[in-house]
Amino acid sequence: MPVRAGRPSHERQANPVSDFEEPEEKEPKIRVLLCTCPSADAEGLATFLVETRLVACVNIIPQVMSLYRWEGKLHRDAESLLVIKCAKKGHKKVIEAIVQKHPYDVPEVIALNVKGGNADYLEWVERTGIR
């Protein structure tokens, strides 16, 4: 009979999922925004967001390929992806600023909730930028 790692069956809890639950923590008060833009505009937009203290940090991922339908035509564009970290309270102002500064008529801006991570980093993001 093969040997299995873990507790003997007589010591296992009735609900094995509980072994993998994380302890309750305060949910971070930050958002991650994703925004695509032309590569030529990526650094300027990222710099604007950080210098104006709208956001804590922006990562620029160059050379992503976007496929989408716009005005009835299929488009394939080389773009950059901005990964933007900001305080949850200020994320609407960040989206407004991106829409104003962005060269597209309808820029892609998607807000994601953050459920956890390095507590020191999350606190830094929350303290930095708009509150």
N, C-alpha and C. Protein backbone atom coordinates (compact mmCIF):
# COMPACT_ATOMS: atom_id res chain seq x y z
N MET A 1 0.84 -1.18 0.00
CA MET A 1 0.00 0.00 0.00
C MET A 1 0.89 1.24 0.00
N PRO A 2 0.64 2.20 -0.92
CA PRO A 2 1.49 3.40 -0.98
C PRO A 2 1.31 4.28 0.26
N VAL A 3 2.38 4.94 0.64
CA VAL A 3 2.34 5.85 1.78
C VAL A 3 1.97 7.24 1.27
N ARG A 4 1.01 7.88 1.94
CA ARG A 4 0.59 9.22 1.54
C ARG A 4 1.04 10.22 2.59
N ALA A 5 1.41 11.39 2.12
CA ALA A 5 1.79 12.45 3.05
C ALA A 5 0.55 13.01 3.73
N GLY A 6 0.73 13.59 4.87
CA GLY A 6 -0.39 14.22 5.57
C GLY A 6 -0.73 13.47 6.84
N ARG A 7 -1.83 13.86 7.44
CA ARG A 7 -2.27 13.24 8.68
C ARG A 7 -2.88 11.87 8.42
N PRO A 8 -2.77 10.98 9.39
CA PRO A 8 -3.50 9.71 9.26
C PRO A 8 -4.99 10.01 9.16
N SER A 9 -5.73 9.15 8.48
CA SER A 9 -7.15 9.42 8.22
C SER A 9 -7.95 9.63 9.50
N HIS A 10 -7.60 8.98 10.59
CA HIS A 10 -8.36 9.15 11.83
C HIS A 10 -8.11 10.51 12.48
N GLU A 11 -7.07 11.26 12.06
CA GLU A 11 -6.78 12.58 12.61
C GLU A 11 -7.27 13.71 11.70
N ARG A 12 -7.73 13.41 10.51
CA ARG A 12 -8.17 14.46 9.58
C ARG A 12 -9.46 15.09 10.05
N GLN A 13 -9.60 16.37 9.74
CA GLN A 13 -10.83 17.09 10.07
C GLN A 13 -11.90 16.74 9.06
N ALA A 14 -13.13 16.93 9.45
CA ALA A 14 -14.26 16.62 8.57
C ALA A 14 -14.24 17.49 7.32
N ASN A 15 -13.76 18.72 7.41
CA ASN A 15 -13.73 19.64 6.27
C ASN A 15 -12.28 19.89 5.89
N PRO A 16 -11.73 19.14 4.91
CA PRO A 16 -10.32 19.30 4.57
C PRO A 16 -9.98 20.67 3.99
N VAL A 17 -10.97 21.40 3.48
CA VAL A 17 -10.70 22.73 2.93
C VAL A 17 -10.20 23.67 4.01
N SER A 18 -10.66 23.49 5.24
CA SER A 18 -10.27 24.39 6.31
C SER A 18 -8.76 24.36 6.56
N ASP A 19 -8.10 23.27 6.21
CA ASP A 19 -6.64 23.21 6.34
C ASP A 19 -5.95 24.25 5.47
N PHE A 20 -6.61 24.68 4.40
CA PHE A 20 -5.98 25.57 3.43
C PHE A 20 -6.51 27.00 3.51
N GLU A 21 -7.43 27.28 4.41
CA GLU A 21 -7.95 28.63 4.52
C GLU A 21 -6.89 29.53 5.12
N GLU A 22 -6.84 30.75 4.58
CA GLU A 22 -5.90 31.72 5.12
C GLU A 22 -6.54 32.39 6.32
N PRO A 23 -5.74 32.83 7.29
CA PRO A 23 -6.32 33.55 8.41
C PRO A 23 -6.94 34.85 7.93
N GLU A 24 -8.01 35.28 8.60
CA GLU A 24 -8.66 36.52 8.19
C GLU A 24 -7.70 37.68 8.39
N GLU A 25 -7.60 38.50 7.35
CA GLU A 25 -6.75 39.68 7.41
C GLU A 25 -7.59 40.87 6.98
N LYS A 26 -7.12 42.04 7.33
CA LYS A 26 -7.75 43.26 6.86
C LYS A 26 -7.58 43.31 5.34
N GLU A 27 -8.68 43.50 4.63
CA GLU A 27 -8.59 43.56 3.17
C GLU A 27 -7.87 44.83 2.76
N PRO A 28 -6.88 44.72 1.86
CA PRO A 28 -6.13 45.91 1.43
C PRO A 28 -7.05 46.94 0.80
N LYS A 29 -6.70 48.19 0.99
CA LYS A 29 -7.49 49.28 0.44
C LYS A 29 -6.80 49.85 -0.80
N ILE A 30 -6.43 48.94 -1.70
CA ILE A 30 -5.80 49.39 -2.94
C ILE A 30 -6.47 48.73 -4.13
N ARG A 31 -6.22 49.30 -5.29
CA ARG A 31 -6.69 48.75 -6.56
C ARG A 31 -5.51 48.62 -7.50
N VAL A 32 -5.64 47.68 -8.42
CA VAL A 32 -4.73 47.58 -9.55
C VAL A 32 -5.55 47.93 -10.77
N LEU A 33 -5.08 48.88 -11.54
CA LEU A 33 -5.73 49.26 -12.79
C LEU A 33 -4.89 48.75 -13.94
N LEU A 34 -5.55 48.22 -14.95
CA LEU A 34 -4.88 47.79 -16.18
C LEU A 34 -5.30 48.75 -17.28
N CYS A 35 -4.33 49.20 -18.05
CA CYS A 35 -4.60 50.15 -19.12
C CYS A 35 -3.64 49.89 -20.28
N THR A 36 -4.19 49.69 -21.46
CA THR A 36 -3.34 49.58 -22.64
C THR A 36 -3.24 50.94 -23.30
N CYS A 37 -2.11 51.18 -23.97
CA CYS A 37 -1.91 52.44 -24.69
C CYS A 37 -0.83 52.23 -25.74
N PRO A 38 -0.74 53.16 -26.70
CA PRO A 38 0.36 53.05 -27.67
C PRO A 38 1.70 53.09 -26.94
N SER A 39 2.63 52.31 -27.40
CA SER A 39 3.93 52.23 -26.73
C SER A 39 4.61 53.59 -26.63
N ALA A 40 4.42 54.44 -27.61
CA ALA A 40 5.04 55.76 -27.61
C ALA A 40 4.49 56.65 -26.49
N ASP A 41 3.30 56.36 -26.00
CA ASP A 41 2.66 57.17 -24.95
C ASP A 41 2.79 56.57 -23.55
N ALA A 42 3.26 55.35 -23.43
CA ALA A 42 3.23 54.63 -22.16
C ALA A 42 4.04 55.32 -21.07
N GLU A 43 5.27 55.66 -21.35
CA GLU A 43 6.11 56.26 -20.30
C GLU A 43 5.59 57.63 -19.89
N GLY A 44 5.13 58.40 -20.84
CA GLY A 44 4.59 59.72 -20.52
C GLY A 44 3.36 59.64 -19.63
N LEU A 45 2.46 58.73 -19.96
CA LEU A 45 1.25 58.57 -19.15
C LEU A 45 1.60 58.05 -17.76
N ALA A 46 2.49 57.08 -17.68
CA ALA A 46 2.91 56.53 -16.39
C ALA A 46 3.58 57.60 -15.53
N THR A 47 4.46 58.38 -16.15
CA THR A 47 5.16 59.44 -15.42
C THR A 47 4.17 60.47 -14.89
N PHE A 48 3.22 60.87 -15.72
CA PHE A 48 2.19 61.82 -15.30
C PHE A 48 1.45 61.31 -14.06
N LEU A 49 1.04 60.05 -14.08
CA LEU A 49 0.27 59.48 -12.96
C LEU A 49 1.07 59.46 -11.66
N VAL A 50 2.36 59.14 -11.76
CA VAL A 50 3.20 59.07 -10.56
C VAL A 50 3.59 60.46 -10.09
N GLU A 51 4.01 61.33 -11.02
CA GLU A 51 4.45 62.68 -10.63
C GLU A 51 3.34 63.51 -10.03
N THR A 52 2.11 63.33 -10.47
CA THR A 52 0.98 64.07 -9.92
C THR A 52 0.43 63.43 -8.66
N ARG A 53 1.07 62.36 -8.22
CA ARG A 53 0.71 61.64 -6.99
C ARG A 53 -0.69 61.05 -7.05
N LEU A 54 -1.14 60.75 -8.26
CA LEU A 54 -2.41 60.05 -8.39
C LEU A 54 -2.26 58.58 -8.02
N VAL A 55 -1.07 58.03 -8.27
CA VAL A 55 -0.82 56.61 -8.04
C VAL A 55 0.52 56.41 -7.35
N ALA A 56 0.70 55.22 -6.78
CA ALA A 56 1.95 54.89 -6.11
C ALA A 56 2.99 54.38 -7.11
N CYS A 57 2.56 53.60 -8.08
CA CYS A 57 3.51 52.90 -8.94
C CYS A 57 2.84 52.49 -10.24
N VAL A 58 3.61 52.50 -11.31
CA VAL A 58 3.14 51.99 -12.61
C VAL A 58 4.23 51.11 -13.20
N ASN A 59 3.86 49.90 -13.57
CA ASN A 59 4.75 49.04 -14.33
C ASN A 59 4.34 49.13 -15.79
N ILE A 60 5.32 49.23 -16.67
CA ILE A 60 5.06 49.27 -18.11
C ILE A 60 5.50 47.94 -18.70
N ILE A 61 4.56 47.23 -19.26
CA ILE A 61 4.88 45.98 -19.95
C ILE A 61 4.84 46.29 -21.44
N PRO A 62 6.00 46.35 -22.08
CA PRO A 62 6.04 46.72 -23.49
C PRO A 62 5.64 45.56 -24.40
N GLN A 63 5.24 45.92 -25.57
CA GLN A 63 5.02 44.95 -26.65
C GLN A 63 3.99 43.88 -26.34
N VAL A 64 2.80 44.29 -25.91
CA VAL A 64 1.69 43.35 -25.86
C VAL A 64 0.92 43.50 -27.17
N MET A 65 0.33 42.42 -27.64
CA MET A 65 -0.44 42.46 -28.87
C MET A 65 -1.92 42.46 -28.50
N SER A 66 -2.64 43.46 -28.96
CA SER A 66 -4.07 43.57 -28.69
C SER A 66 -4.86 43.29 -29.96
N LEU A 67 -5.81 42.40 -29.85
CA LEU A 67 -6.74 42.09 -30.94
C LEU A 67 -8.12 42.52 -30.48
N TYR A 68 -8.80 43.33 -31.30
CA TYR A 68 -10.12 43.82 -30.90
C TYR A 68 -10.89 44.28 -32.13
N ARG A 69 -12.19 44.37 -31.97
CA ARG A 69 -13.04 44.87 -33.03
C ARG A 69 -13.42 46.30 -32.68
N TRP A 70 -13.21 47.22 -33.61
CA TRP A 70 -13.54 48.63 -33.40
C TRP A 70 -14.17 49.16 -34.67
N GLU A 71 -15.35 49.74 -34.52
CA GLU A 71 -16.10 50.29 -35.65
C GLU A 71 -16.25 49.27 -36.77
N GLY A 72 -16.54 48.03 -36.38
CA GLY A 72 -16.83 46.97 -37.33
C GLY A 72 -15.62 46.31 -37.97
N LYS A 73 -14.42 46.73 -37.62
CA LYS A 73 -13.21 46.16 -38.22
C LYS A 73 -12.34 45.50 -37.15
N LEU A 74 -11.70 44.40 -37.53
CA LEU A 74 -10.77 43.73 -36.64
C LEU A 74 -9.44 44.49 -36.67
N HIS A 75 -8.94 44.80 -35.48
CA HIS A 75 -7.66 45.51 -35.36
C HIS A 75 -6.67 44.63 -34.60
N ARG A 76 -5.42 44.80 -34.96
CA ARG A 76 -4.32 44.09 -34.29
C ARG A 76 -3.23 45.14 -34.08
N ASP A 77 -3.03 45.52 -32.81
CA ASP A 77 -2.10 46.61 -32.52
C ASP A 77 -1.06 46.19 -31.49
N ALA A 78 0.17 46.62 -31.71
CA ALA A 78 1.22 46.47 -30.71
C ALA A 78 1.04 47.63 -29.73
N GLU A 79 0.91 47.31 -28.46
CA GLU A 79 0.68 48.32 -27.43
C GLU A 79 1.55 48.01 -26.22
N SER A 80 1.47 48.89 -25.23
CA SER A 80 2.06 48.63 -23.92
C SER A 80 0.92 48.47 -22.94
N LEU A 81 1.17 47.67 -21.90
CA LEU A 81 0.20 47.49 -20.84
C LEU A 81 0.73 48.17 -19.59
N LEU A 82 -0.07 49.07 -19.03
CA LEU A 82 0.28 49.73 -17.77
C LEU A 82 -0.40 48.97 -16.64
N VAL A 83 0.38 48.60 -15.64
CA VAL A 83 -0.15 47.97 -14.43
C VAL A 83 0.01 49.03 -13.34
N ILE A 84 -1.11 49.60 -12.93
CA ILE A 84 -1.14 50.79 -12.09
C ILE A 84 -1.64 50.41 -10.69
N LYS A 85 -0.88 50.81 -9.65
CA LYS A 85 -1.28 50.54 -8.28
C LYS A 85 -1.65 51.86 -7.60
N CYS A 86 -2.84 51.89 -6.99
CA CYS A 86 -3.29 53.12 -6.34
C CYS A 86 -4.19 52.81 -5.15
N ALA A 87 -4.44 53.84 -4.34
CA ALA A 87 -5.35 53.70 -3.21
C ALA A 87 -6.77 53.51 -3.74
N LYS A 88 -7.53 52.67 -3.06
CA LYS A 88 -8.89 52.38 -3.47
C LYS A 88 -9.75 53.64 -3.51
N LYS A 89 -9.59 54.52 -2.52
CA LYS A 89 -10.39 55.73 -2.44
C LYS A 89 -10.18 56.67 -3.63
N GLY A 90 -9.00 56.65 -4.22
CA GLY A 90 -8.70 57.58 -5.30
C GLY A 90 -8.78 57.00 -6.70
N HIS A 91 -9.19 55.74 -6.83
CA HIS A 91 -9.09 55.10 -8.14
C HIS A 91 -10.00 55.74 -9.20
N LYS A 92 -11.12 56.31 -8.80
CA LYS A 92 -12.00 56.95 -9.79
C LYS A 92 -11.35 58.20 -10.37
N LYS A 93 -10.62 58.94 -9.54
CA LYS A 93 -9.89 60.12 -10.04
C LYS A 93 -8.78 59.69 -10.99
N VAL A 94 -8.16 58.56 -10.71
CA VAL A 94 -7.11 58.04 -11.59
C VAL A 94 -7.72 57.68 -12.95
N ILE A 95 -8.84 57.00 -12.94
CA ILE A 95 -9.50 56.63 -14.20
C ILE A 95 -9.87 57.89 -14.99
N GLU A 96 -10.42 58.89 -14.33
CA GLU A 96 -10.76 60.15 -15.00
C GLU A 96 -9.53 60.79 -15.63
N ALA A 97 -8.42 60.80 -14.91
CA ALA A 97 -7.18 61.39 -15.44
C ALA A 97 -6.67 60.61 -16.64
N ILE A 98 -6.75 59.29 -16.58
CA ILE A 98 -6.30 58.47 -17.71
C ILE A 98 -7.16 58.77 -18.94
N VAL A 99 -8.47 58.81 -18.76
CA VAL A 99 -9.38 59.08 -19.88
C VAL A 99 -9.07 60.45 -20.50
N GLN A 100 -8.76 61.44 -19.67
CA GLN A 100 -8.44 62.79 -20.16
C GLN A 100 -7.12 62.82 -20.94
N LYS A 101 -6.09 62.13 -20.44
CA LYS A 101 -4.75 62.19 -21.03
C LYS A 101 -4.51 61.18 -22.15
N HIS A 102 -5.32 60.14 -22.21
CA HIS A 102 -5.09 59.02 -23.12
C HIS A 102 -5.39 59.42 -24.56
N PRO A 103 -4.59 58.93 -25.51
CA PRO A 103 -4.82 59.30 -26.91
C PRO A 103 -6.02 58.60 -27.56
N TYR A 104 -6.55 57.54 -26.97
CA TYR A 104 -7.68 56.83 -27.57
C TYR A 104 -9.00 57.49 -27.19
N ASP A 105 -10.00 57.35 -28.06
CA ASP A 105 -11.34 57.84 -27.76
C ASP A 105 -11.95 57.08 -26.59
N VAL A 106 -11.73 55.78 -26.56
CA VAL A 106 -12.27 54.92 -25.50
C VAL A 106 -11.13 54.06 -24.96
N PRO A 107 -10.35 54.60 -24.03
CA PRO A 107 -9.23 53.81 -23.52
C PRO A 107 -9.68 52.66 -22.63
N GLU A 108 -8.92 51.58 -22.70
CA GLU A 108 -9.16 50.44 -21.81
C GLU A 108 -8.60 50.77 -20.43
N VAL A 109 -9.48 50.80 -19.44
CA VAL A 109 -9.06 50.95 -18.05
C VAL A 109 -9.93 50.00 -17.24
N ILE A 110 -9.31 49.03 -16.61
CA ILE A 110 -10.02 48.02 -15.84
C ILE A 110 -9.48 48.04 -14.42
N ALA A 111 -10.38 48.15 -13.43
CA ALA A 111 -9.99 48.18 -12.02
C ALA A 111 -10.18 46.81 -11.40
N LEU A 112 -9.15 46.35 -10.71
CA LEU A 112 -9.18 45.05 -10.03
C LEU A 112 -9.03 45.25 -8.53
N ASN A 113 -9.81 44.51 -7.76
CA ASN A 113 -9.65 44.51 -6.30
C ASN A 113 -8.43 43.67 -5.93
N VAL A 114 -7.72 44.09 -4.92
CA VAL A 114 -6.58 43.34 -4.40
C VAL A 114 -7.03 42.67 -3.12
N LYS A 115 -6.84 41.36 -3.03
CA LYS A 115 -7.28 40.60 -1.86
C LYS A 115 -6.16 40.39 -0.85
N GLY A 116 -4.91 40.52 -1.26
CA GLY A 116 -3.81 40.30 -0.34
C GLY A 116 -2.48 40.50 -1.03
N GLY A 117 -1.42 40.31 -0.28
CA GLY A 117 -0.07 40.46 -0.82
C GLY A 117 0.89 40.81 0.31
N ASN A 118 2.04 41.33 -0.04
CA ASN A 118 3.03 41.76 0.94
C ASN A 118 2.45 42.95 1.70
N ALA A 119 2.17 42.77 2.99
CA ALA A 119 1.50 43.79 3.79
C ALA A 119 2.23 45.13 3.77
N ASP A 120 3.56 45.10 3.84
CA ASP A 120 4.33 46.36 3.82
C ASP A 120 4.14 47.09 2.49
N TYR A 121 4.16 46.35 1.39
CA TYR A 121 3.97 46.97 0.08
C TYR A 121 2.55 47.54 -0.05
N LEU A 122 1.56 46.76 0.36
CA LEU A 122 0.17 47.20 0.26
C LEU A 122 -0.07 48.46 1.08
N GLU A 123 0.51 48.53 2.27
CA GLU A 123 0.39 49.73 3.10
C GLU A 123 1.07 50.92 2.44
N TRP A 124 2.22 50.70 1.79
CA TRP A 124 2.92 51.78 1.10
C TRP A 124 2.05 52.33 -0.04
N VAL A 125 1.46 51.44 -0.82
CA VAL A 125 0.59 51.87 -1.93
C VAL A 125 -0.57 52.69 -1.37
N GLU A 126 -1.16 52.22 -0.28
CA GLU A 126 -2.31 52.90 0.30
C GLU A 126 -1.93 54.30 0.80
N ARG A 127 -0.73 54.45 1.34
CA ARG A 127 -0.28 55.75 1.87
C ARG A 127 0.15 56.71 0.77
N THR A 128 0.48 56.19 -0.40
CA THR A 128 1.05 57.00 -1.47
C THR A 128 -0.04 57.40 -2.44
N GLY A 129 -0.02 58.64 -2.87
CA GLY A 129 -1.01 59.08 -3.85
C GLY A 129 -2.29 59.55 -3.21
N ILE A 130 -3.33 59.69 -4.02
CA ILE A 130 -4.63 60.18 -3.57
C ILE A 130 -5.21 59.23 -2.53
N ARG A 131 -5.86 59.79 -1.55
CA ARG A 131 -6.52 58.98 -0.52
C ARG A 131 -8.01 59.16 -0.57
